[in-house]
Every structure is written in C-alpha cells, then in structure tokens.
Amino acid sequence: MKEPHPQLPELMQRIIFRTDPPSLLKLETLSIELKNVGISNFDVDFETCEISVVCPHVKSIQQVECALRKAGFKCPRLK
C-alpha cells in the first residue's frame, strides 16, 4: 500500500504531474532541468506514472512545467 505524502512546511508546495512511463534518460535530463530552476529532488511513482516535485511557493510553477517540457515530458499538472 502506498504511503501518503508527508506534510510539507507552510512555504513548500508539492506539484504532481502524470506522464507516460519515463525512461532513465528522460529522468536524468529532468534532474538537470529541475536543478537549473533550483529544485534538486523529485519522486517518480512508476506504478501510477506520476512525478512529484516539492518546491518553495516562491518558485514559479511555470518554471517547473518548462523544465518538464525541456526534458521531453508532455504531462498535465494534477490538481
């Protein structure tokens, strides 16, 4: 059973994207692109094909979406 995401500090935000099953090359590229916008960690759930990014509220969601697109992902943000 999947554990729920832990609570985040008030100034942090979790953004979840659903995508096609990601390749290791795409994930490596995503890591580089997210680091370019100041985000060093993300989680991938291969079972549900979701990418979870934790970022400060001050970071623009558009920057994260742009990093995902640059890494080759076409994925809508889940609400």
PDB file of N, CA and C in Angstrom:
ATOM      1  N   MET A   1       0.840  -1.182   0.000  1.00  0.00           N
ATOM      2  CA  MET A   1       0.000   0.000   0.000  1.00  0.00           C
ATOM      3  C   MET A   1       0.883   1.244   0.000  1.00  0.00           C
ATOM      4  N   LYS A   2       0.526   2.182  -0.805  1.00  0.00           N
ATOM      5  CA  LYS A   2       1.308   3.404  -0.955  1.00  0.00           C
ATOM      6  C   LYS A   2       1.095   4.310   0.251  1.00  0.00           C
ATOM      7  N   GLU A   3       2.201   4.808   0.810  1.00  0.00           N
ATOM      8  CA  GLU A   3       2.109   5.711   1.954  1.00  0.00           C
ATOM      9  C   GLU A   3       1.755   7.112   1.470  1.00  0.00           C
ATOM     10  N   PRO A   4       0.962   7.849   2.256  1.00  0.00           N
ATOM     11  CA  PRO A   4       0.637   9.224   1.857  1.00  0.00           C
ATOM     12  C   PRO A   4       1.871  10.102   1.931  1.00  0.00           C
ATOM     13  N   HIS A   5       1.857  11.165   1.150  1.00  0.00           N
ATOM     14  CA  HIS A   5       2.968  12.114   1.178  1.00  0.00           C
ATOM     15  C   HIS A   5       3.022  12.777   2.549  1.00  0.00           C
ATOM     16  N   PRO A   6       4.224  12.961   3.095  1.00  0.00           N
ATOM     17  CA  PRO A   6       4.330  13.644   4.389  1.00  0.00           C
ATOM     18  C   PRO A   6       3.899  15.103   4.273  1.00  0.00           C
ATOM     19  N   GLN A   7       3.514  15.670   5.397  1.00  0.00           N
ATOM     20  CA  GLN A   7       3.130  17.081   5.417  1.00  0.00           C
ATOM     21  C   GLN A   7       4.346  17.942   5.102  1.00  0.00           C
ATOM     22  N   LEU A   8       4.130  18.999   4.376  1.00  0.00           N
ATOM     23  CA  LEU A   8       5.212  19.897   3.986  1.00  0.00           C
ATOM     24  C   LEU A   8       5.161  21.161   4.823  1.00  0.00           C
ATOM     25  N   PRO A   9       6.326  21.794   5.027  1.00  0.00           N
ATOM     26  CA  PRO A   9       6.312  23.095   5.695  1.00  0.00           C
ATOM     27  C   PRO A   9       5.421  24.064   4.921  1.00  0.00           C
ATOM     28  N   GLU A  10       4.943  25.080   5.607  1.00  0.00           N
ATOM     29  CA  GLU A  10       3.982  26.015   5.022  1.00  0.00           C
ATOM     30  C   GLU A  10       4.493  26.683   3.746  1.00  0.00           C
ATOM     31  N   LEU A  11       5.788  26.907   3.634  1.00  0.00           N
ATOM     32  CA  LEU A  11       6.332  27.617   2.471  1.00  0.00           C
ATOM     33  C   LEU A  11       6.681  26.686   1.312  1.00  0.00           C
ATOM     34  N   MET A  12       6.317  25.413   1.429  1.00  0.00           N
ATOM     35  CA  MET A  12       6.630  24.450   0.381  1.00  0.00           C
ATOM     36  C   MET A  12       5.342  23.997  -0.297  1.00  0.00           C
ATOM     37  N   GLN A  13       5.482  23.521  -1.503  1.00  0.00           N
ATOM     38  CA  GLN A  13       4.331  23.090  -2.282  1.00  0.00           C
ATOM     39  C   GLN A  13       4.709  21.824  -3.040  1.00  0.00           C
ATOM     40  N   ARG A  14       3.805  20.842  -3.077  1.00  0.00           N
ATOM     41  CA  ARG A  14       4.044  19.623  -3.849  1.00  0.00           C
ATOM     42  C   ARG A  14       3.251  19.730  -5.153  1.00  0.00           C
ATOM     43  N   ILE A  15       3.931  19.516  -6.262  1.00  0.00           N
ATOM     44  CA  ILE A  15       3.313  19.555  -7.583  1.00  0.00           C
ATOM     45  C   ILE A  15       3.418  18.149  -8.162  1.00  0.00           C
ATOM     46  N   ILE A  16       2.302  17.604  -8.622  1.00  0.00           N
ATOM     47  CA  ILE A  16       2.296  16.246  -9.161  1.00  0.00           C
ATOM     48  C   ILE A  16       1.903  16.294 -10.633  1.00  0.00           C
ATOM     49  N   PHE A  17       2.687  15.599 -11.459  1.00  0.00           N
ATOM     50  CA  PHE A  17       2.433  15.511 -12.889  1.00  0.00           C
ATOM     51  C   PHE A  17       2.223  14.049 -13.252  1.00  0.00           C
ATOM     52  N   ARG A  18       1.251  13.775 -14.085  1.00  0.00           N
ATOM     53  CA  ARG A  18       1.065  12.421 -14.607  1.00  0.00           C
ATOM     54  C   ARG A  18       1.679  12.387 -15.998  1.00  0.00           C
ATOM     55  N   THR A  19       2.347  11.276 -16.326  1.00  0.00           N
ATOM     56  CA  THR A  19       3.075  11.195 -17.582  1.00  0.00           C
ATOM     57  C   THR A  19       3.054   9.771 -18.114  1.00  0.00           C
ATOM     58  N   ASP A  20       3.637   9.568 -19.272  1.00  0.00           N
ATOM     59  CA  ASP A  20       3.868   8.220 -19.777  1.00  0.00           C
ATOM     60  C   ASP A  20       4.989   7.609 -18.951  1.00  0.00           C
ATOM     61  N   PRO A  21       5.150   6.285 -18.979  1.00  0.00           N
ATOM     62  CA  PRO A  21       6.266   5.692 -18.233  1.00  0.00           C
ATOM     63  C   PRO A  21       7.593   6.327 -18.668  1.00  0.00           C
ATOM     64  N   PRO A  22       8.319   6.932 -17.725  1.00  0.00           N
ATOM     65  CA  PRO A  22       9.547   7.651 -18.089  1.00  0.00           C
ATOM     66  C   PRO A  22      10.742   6.720 -18.271  1.00  0.00           C
ATOM     67  N   SER A  23      11.604   7.074 -19.223  1.00  0.00           N
ATOM     68  CA  SER A  23      12.853   6.338 -19.413  1.00  0.00           C
ATOM     69  C   SER A  23      13.910   6.925 -18.483  1.00  0.00           C
ATOM     70  N   LEU A  24      14.965   6.164 -18.259  1.00  0.00           N
ATOM     71  CA  LEU A  24      16.044   6.656 -17.395  1.00  0.00           C
ATOM     72  C   LEU A  24      16.717   7.887 -17.994  1.00  0.00           C
ATOM     73  N   LEU A  25      16.841   7.930 -19.307  1.00  0.00           N
ATOM     74  CA  LEU A  25      17.453   9.092 -19.959  1.00  0.00           C
ATOM     75  C   LEU A  25      16.606  10.341 -19.728  1.00  0.00           C
ATOM     76  N   LYS A  26      15.284  10.203 -19.855  1.00  0.00           N
ATOM     77  CA  LYS A  26      14.404  11.349 -19.616  1.00  0.00           C
ATOM     78  C   LYS A  26      14.492  11.805 -18.163  1.00  0.00           C
ATOM     79  N   LEU A  27      14.588  10.855 -17.236  1.00  0.00           N
ATOM     80  CA  LEU A  27      14.677  11.216 -15.822  1.00  0.00           C
ATOM     81  C   LEU A  27      15.991  11.923 -15.519  1.00  0.00           C
ATOM     82  N   GLU A  28      17.063  11.483 -16.167  1.00  0.00           N
ATOM     83  CA  GLU A  28      18.361  12.142 -15.992  1.00  0.00           C
ATOM     84  C   GLU A  28      18.298  13.581 -16.521  1.00  0.00           C
ATOM     85  N   THR A  29      17.680  13.753 -17.679  1.00  0.00           N
ATOM     86  CA  THR A  29      17.512  15.087 -18.250  1.00  0.00           C
ATOM     87  C   THR A  29      16.624  15.941 -17.356  1.00  0.00           C
ATOM     88  N   LEU A  30      15.557  15.345 -16.819  1.00  0.00           N
ATOM     89  CA  LEU A  30      14.663  16.071 -15.916  1.00  0.00           C
ATOM     90  C   LEU A  30      15.413  16.548 -14.683  1.00  0.00           C
ATOM     91  N   SER A  31      16.273  15.708 -14.141  1.00  0.00           N
ATOM     92  CA  SER A  31      17.065  16.086 -12.973  1.00  0.00           C
ATOM     93  C   SER A  31      17.902  17.329 -13.271  1.00  0.00           C
ATOM     94  N   ILE A  32      18.531  17.357 -14.433  1.00  0.00           N
ATOM     95  CA  ILE A  32      19.357  18.504 -14.831  1.00  0.00           C
ATOM     96  C   ILE A  32      18.495  19.752 -14.995  1.00  0.00           C
ATOM     97  N   GLU A  33      17.367  19.617 -15.678  1.00  0.00           N
ATOM     98  CA  GLU A  33      16.492  20.773 -15.927  1.00  0.00           C
ATOM     99  C   GLU A  33      15.900  21.325 -14.632  1.00  0.00           C
ATOM    100  N   LEU A  34      15.522  20.444 -13.700  1.00  0.00           N
ATOM    101  CA  LEU A  34      14.990  20.918 -12.418  1.00  0.00           C
ATOM    102  C   LEU A  34      16.071  21.621 -11.603  1.00  0.00           C
ATOM    103  N   LYS A  35      17.305  21.110 -11.665  1.00  0.00           N
ATOM    104  CA  LYS A  35      18.405  21.781 -10.957  1.00  0.00           C
ATOM    105  C   LYS A  35      18.627  23.181 -11.522  1.00  0.00           C
ATOM    106  N   ASN A  36      18.404  23.344 -12.821  1.00  0.00           N
ATOM    107  CA  ASN A  36      18.550  24.662 -13.449  1.00  0.00           C
ATOM    108  C   ASN A  36      17.559  25.680 -12.906  1.00  0.00           C
ATOM    109  N   VAL A  37      16.418  25.215 -12.370  1.00  0.00           N
ATOM    110  CA  VAL A  37      15.435  26.132 -11.783  1.00  0.00           C
ATOM    111  C   VAL A  37      15.457  26.058 -10.257  1.00  0.00           C
ATOM    112  N   GLY A  38      16.506  25.439  -9.697  1.00  0.00           N
ATOM    113  CA  GLY A  38      16.699  25.453  -8.251  1.00  0.00           C
ATOM    114  C   GLY A  38      16.020  24.348  -7.473  1.00  0.00           C
ATOM    115  N   ILE A  39      15.612  23.273  -8.140  1.00  0.00           N
ATOM    116  CA  ILE A  39      14.962  22.153  -7.454  1.00  0.00           C
ATOM    117  C   ILE A  39      15.854  20.929  -7.598  1.00  0.00           C
ATOM    118  N   SER A  40      16.260  20.363  -6.461  1.00  0.00           N
ATOM    119  CA  SER A  40      17.223  19.270  -6.514  1.00  0.00           C
ATOM    120  C   SER A  40      16.611  17.889  -6.319  1.00  0.00           C
ATOM    121  N   ASN A  41      15.350  17.799  -5.896  1.00  0.00           N
ATOM    122  CA  ASN A  41      14.744  16.493  -5.639  1.00  0.00           C
ATOM    123  C   ASN A  41      13.383  16.364  -6.299  1.00  0.00           C
ATOM    124  N   PHE A  42      13.095  15.142  -6.732  1.00  0.00           N
ATOM    125  CA  PHE A  42      11.759  14.816  -7.216  1.00  0.00           C
ATOM    126  C   PHE A  42      11.551  13.323  -7.027  1.00  0.00           C
ATOM    127  N   ASP A  43      10.306  12.911  -6.967  1.00  0.00           N
ATOM    128  CA  ASP A  43       9.961  11.500  -6.800  1.00  0.00           C
ATOM    129  C   ASP A  43       9.235  11.023  -8.047  1.00  0.00           C
ATOM    130  N   VAL A  44       9.462   9.750  -8.382  1.00  0.00           N
ATOM    131  CA  VAL A  44       8.760   9.140  -9.502  1.00  0.00           C
ATOM    132  C   VAL A  44       8.046   7.902  -8.989  1.00  0.00           C
ATOM    133  N   ASP A  45       6.753   7.823  -9.240  1.00  0.00           N
ATOM    134  CA  ASP A  45       5.977   6.631  -8.923  1.00  0.00           C
ATOM    135  C   ASP A  45       5.761   5.910 -10.246  1.00  0.00           C
ATOM    136  N   PHE A  46       6.522   4.839 -10.474  1.00  0.00           N
ATOM    137  CA  PHE A  46       6.449   4.134 -11.748  1.00  0.00           C
ATOM    138  C   PHE A  46       5.128   3.391 -11.912  1.00  0.00           C
ATOM    139  N   GLU A  47       4.490   3.040 -10.805  1.00  0.00           N
ATOM    140  CA  GLU A  47       3.216   2.325 -10.868  1.00  0.00           C
ATOM    141  C   GLU A  47       2.104   3.216 -11.412  1.00  0.00           C
ATOM    142  N   THR A  48       2.046   4.449 -10.932  1.00  0.00           N
ATOM    143  CA  THR A  48       0.987   5.371 -11.365  1.00  0.00           C
ATOM    144  C   THR A  48       1.472   6.357 -12.429  1.00  0.00           C
ATOM    145  N   CYS A  49       2.761   6.302 -12.774  1.00  0.00           N
ATOM    146  CA  CYS A  49       3.369   7.224 -13.752  1.00  0.00           C
ATOM    147  C   CYS A  49       3.183   8.673 -13.328  1.00  0.00           C
ATOM    148  N   GLU A  50       3.476   8.948 -12.060  1.00  0.00           N
ATOM    149  CA  GLU A  50       3.391  10.307 -11.539  1.00  0.00           C
ATOM    150  C   GLU A  50       4.766  10.795 -11.120  1.00  0.00           C
ATOM    151  N   ILE A  51       5.028  12.058 -11.404  1.00  0.00           N
ATOM    152  CA  ILE A  51       6.253  12.719 -10.965  1.00  0.00           C
ATOM    153  C   ILE A  51       5.837  13.764  -9.949  1.00  0.00           C
ATOM    154  N   SER A  52       6.455  13.699  -8.779  1.00  0.00           N
ATOM    155  CA  SER A  52       6.125  14.611  -7.690  1.00  0.00           C
ATOM    156  C   SER A  52       7.327  15.511  -7.427  1.00  0.00           C
ATOM    157  N   VAL A  53       7.091  16.817  -7.458  1.00  0.00           N
ATOM    158  CA  VAL A  53       8.150  17.799  -7.247  1.00  0.00           C
ATOM    159  C   VAL A  53       7.768  18.657  -6.051  1.00  0.00           C
ATOM    160  N   VAL A  54       8.684  18.781  -5.093  1.00  0.00           N
ATOM    161  CA  VAL A  54       8.451  19.661  -3.951  1.00  0.00           C
ATOM    162  C   VAL A  54       9.266  20.920  -4.184  1.00  0.00           C
ATOM    163  N   CYS A  55       8.586  22.061  -4.133  1.00  0.00           N
ATOM    164  CA  CYS A  55       9.296  23.310  -4.372  1.00  0.00           C
ATOM    165  C   CYS A  55       8.735  24.409  -3.483  1.00  0.00           C
ATOM    166  N   PRO A  56       9.536  25.426  -3.217  1.00  0.00           N
ATOM    167  CA  PRO A  56       9.049  26.563  -2.442  1.00  0.00           C
ATOM    168  C   PRO A  56       7.936  27.277  -3.199  1.00  0.00           C
ATOM    169  N   HIS A  57       7.006  27.880  -2.463  1.00  0.00           N
ATOM    170  CA  HIS A  57       5.929  28.637  -3.103  1.00  0.00           C
ATOM    171  C   HIS A  57       6.480  29.761  -3.970  1.00  0.00           C
ATOM    172  N   VAL A  58       7.663  30.253  -3.619  1.00  0.00           N
ATOM    173  CA  VAL A  58       8.223  31.359  -4.398  1.00  0.00           C
ATOM    174  C   VAL A  58       8.659  30.913  -5.788  1.00  0.00           C
ATOM    175  N   LYS A  59       8.882  29.627  -5.972  1.00  0.00           N
ATOM    176  CA  LYS A  59       9.244  29.122  -7.298  1.00  0.00           C
ATOM    177  C   LYS A  59       8.007  29.131  -8.180  1.00  0.00           C
ATOM    178  N   SER A  60       8.187  29.500  -9.388  1.00  0.00           N
ATOM    179  CA  SER A  60       7.078  29.544 -10.327  1.00  0.00           C
ATOM    180  C   SER A  60       6.740  28.139 -10.814  1.00  0.00           C
ATOM    181  N   ILE A  61       5.459  27.799 -10.758  1.00  0.00           N
ATOM    182  CA  ILE A  61       5.020  26.513 -11.284  1.00  0.00           C
ATOM    183  C   ILE A  61       5.350  26.431 -12.771  1.00  0.00           C
ATOM    184  N   GLN A  62       5.299  27.562 -13.451  1.00  0.00           N
ATOM    185  CA  GLN A  62       5.627  27.585 -14.876  1.00  0.00           C
ATOM    186  C   GLN A  62       7.074  27.164 -15.117  1.00  0.00           C
ATOM    187  N   GLN A  63       7.990  27.509 -14.189  1.00  0.00           N
ATOM    188  CA  GLN A  63       9.387  27.088 -14.327  1.00  0.00           C
ATOM    189  C   GLN A  63       9.496  25.570 -14.254  1.00  0.00           C
ATOM    190  N   VAL A  64       8.738  24.959 -13.343  1.00  0.00           N
ATOM    191  CA  VAL A  64       8.761  23.503 -13.201  1.00  0.00           C
ATOM    192  C   VAL A  64       8.169  22.860 -14.455  1.00  0.00           C
ATOM    193  N   GLU A  65       7.049  23.394 -14.935  1.00  0.00           N
ATOM    194  CA  GLU A  65       6.432  22.856 -16.146  1.00  0.00           C
ATOM    195  C   GLU A  65       7.369  22.989 -17.343  1.00  0.00           C
ATOM    196  N   CYS A  66       8.078  24.093 -17.430  1.00  0.00           N
ATOM    197  CA  CYS A  66       9.037  24.309 -18.514  1.00  0.00           C
ATOM    198  C   CYS A  66      10.172  23.284 -18.432  1.00  0.00           C
ATOM    199  N   ALA A  67      10.666  23.024 -17.225  1.00  0.00           N
ATOM    200  CA  ALA A  67      11.726  22.027 -17.038  1.00  0.00           C
ATOM    201  C   ALA A  67      11.246  20.649 -17.483  1.00  0.00           C
ATOM    202  N   LEU A  68      10.003  20.312 -17.166  1.00  0.00           N
ATOM    203  CA  LEU A  68       9.442  19.028 -17.595  1.00  0.00           C
ATOM    204  C   LEU A  68       9.371  18.943 -19.117  1.00  0.00           C
ATOM    205  N   ARG A  69       8.929  20.027 -19.756  1.00  0.00           N
ATOM    206  CA  ARG A  69       8.845  20.025 -21.220  1.00  0.00           C
ATOM    207  C   ARG A  69      10.235  19.919 -21.854  1.00  0.00           C
ATOM    208  N   LYS A  70      11.215  20.638 -21.304  1.00  0.00           N
ATOM    209  CA  LYS A  70      12.581  20.576 -21.834  1.00  0.00           C
ATOM    210  C   LYS A  70      13.157  19.169 -21.717  1.00  0.00           C
ATOM    211  N   ALA A  71      12.712  18.425 -20.697  1.00  0.00           N
ATOM    212  CA  ALA A  71      13.187  17.055 -20.506  1.00  0.00           C
ATOM    213  C   ALA A  71      12.427  16.066 -21.390  1.00  0.00           C
ATOM    214  N   GLY A  72      11.455  16.565 -22.157  1.00  0.00           N
ATOM    215  CA  GLY A  72      10.745  15.701 -23.092  1.00  0.00           C
ATOM    216  C   GLY A  72       9.428  15.152 -22.584  1.00  0.00           C
ATOM    217  N   PHE A  73       8.937  15.667 -21.459  1.00  0.00           N
ATOM    218  CA  PHE A  73       7.664  15.200 -20.921  1.00  0.00           C
ATOM    219  C   PHE A  73       6.533  16.082 -21.429  1.00  0.00           C
ATOM    220  N   LYS A  74       5.425  15.460 -21.751  1.00  0.00           N
ATOM    221  CA  LYS A  74       4.195  16.181 -22.087  1.00  0.00           C
ATOM    222  C   LYS A  74       3.185  15.736 -21.052  1.00  0.00           C
ATOM    223  N   CYS A  75       3.110  16.466 -19.978  1.00  0.00           N
ATOM    224  CA  CYS A  75       2.286  15.983 -18.883  1.00  0.00           C
ATOM    225  C   CYS A  75       1.518  17.118 -18.225  1.00  0.00           C
ATOM    226  N   PRO A  76       0.219  16.949 -18.112  1.00  0.00           N
ATOM    227  CA  PRO A  76      -0.577  17.963 -17.416  1.00  0.00           C
ATOM    228  C   PRO A  76      -0.369  17.881 -15.916  1.00  0.00           C
ATOM    229  N   ARG A  77      -0.495  19.011 -15.268  1.00  0.00           N
ATOM    230  CA  ARG A  77      -0.370  19.057 -13.811  1.00  0.00           C
ATOM    231  C   ARG A  77      -1.667  18.565 -13.198  1.00  0.00           C
ATOM    232  N   LEU A  78      -1.549  17.725 -12.164  1.00  0.00           N
ATOM    233  CA  LEU A  78      -2.723  17.256 -11.439  1.00  0.00           C
ATOM    234  C   LEU A  78      -3.074  18.254 -10.366  1.00  0.00           C
ATOM    235  N   LYS A  79      -4.342  18.393 -10.079  1.00  0.00           N
ATOM    236  CA  LYS A  79      -4.765  19.319  -9.028  1.00  0.00           C
ATOM    237  C   LYS A  79      -5.039  18.573  -7.764  1.00  0.00           C
TER     238      LYS A  79
END
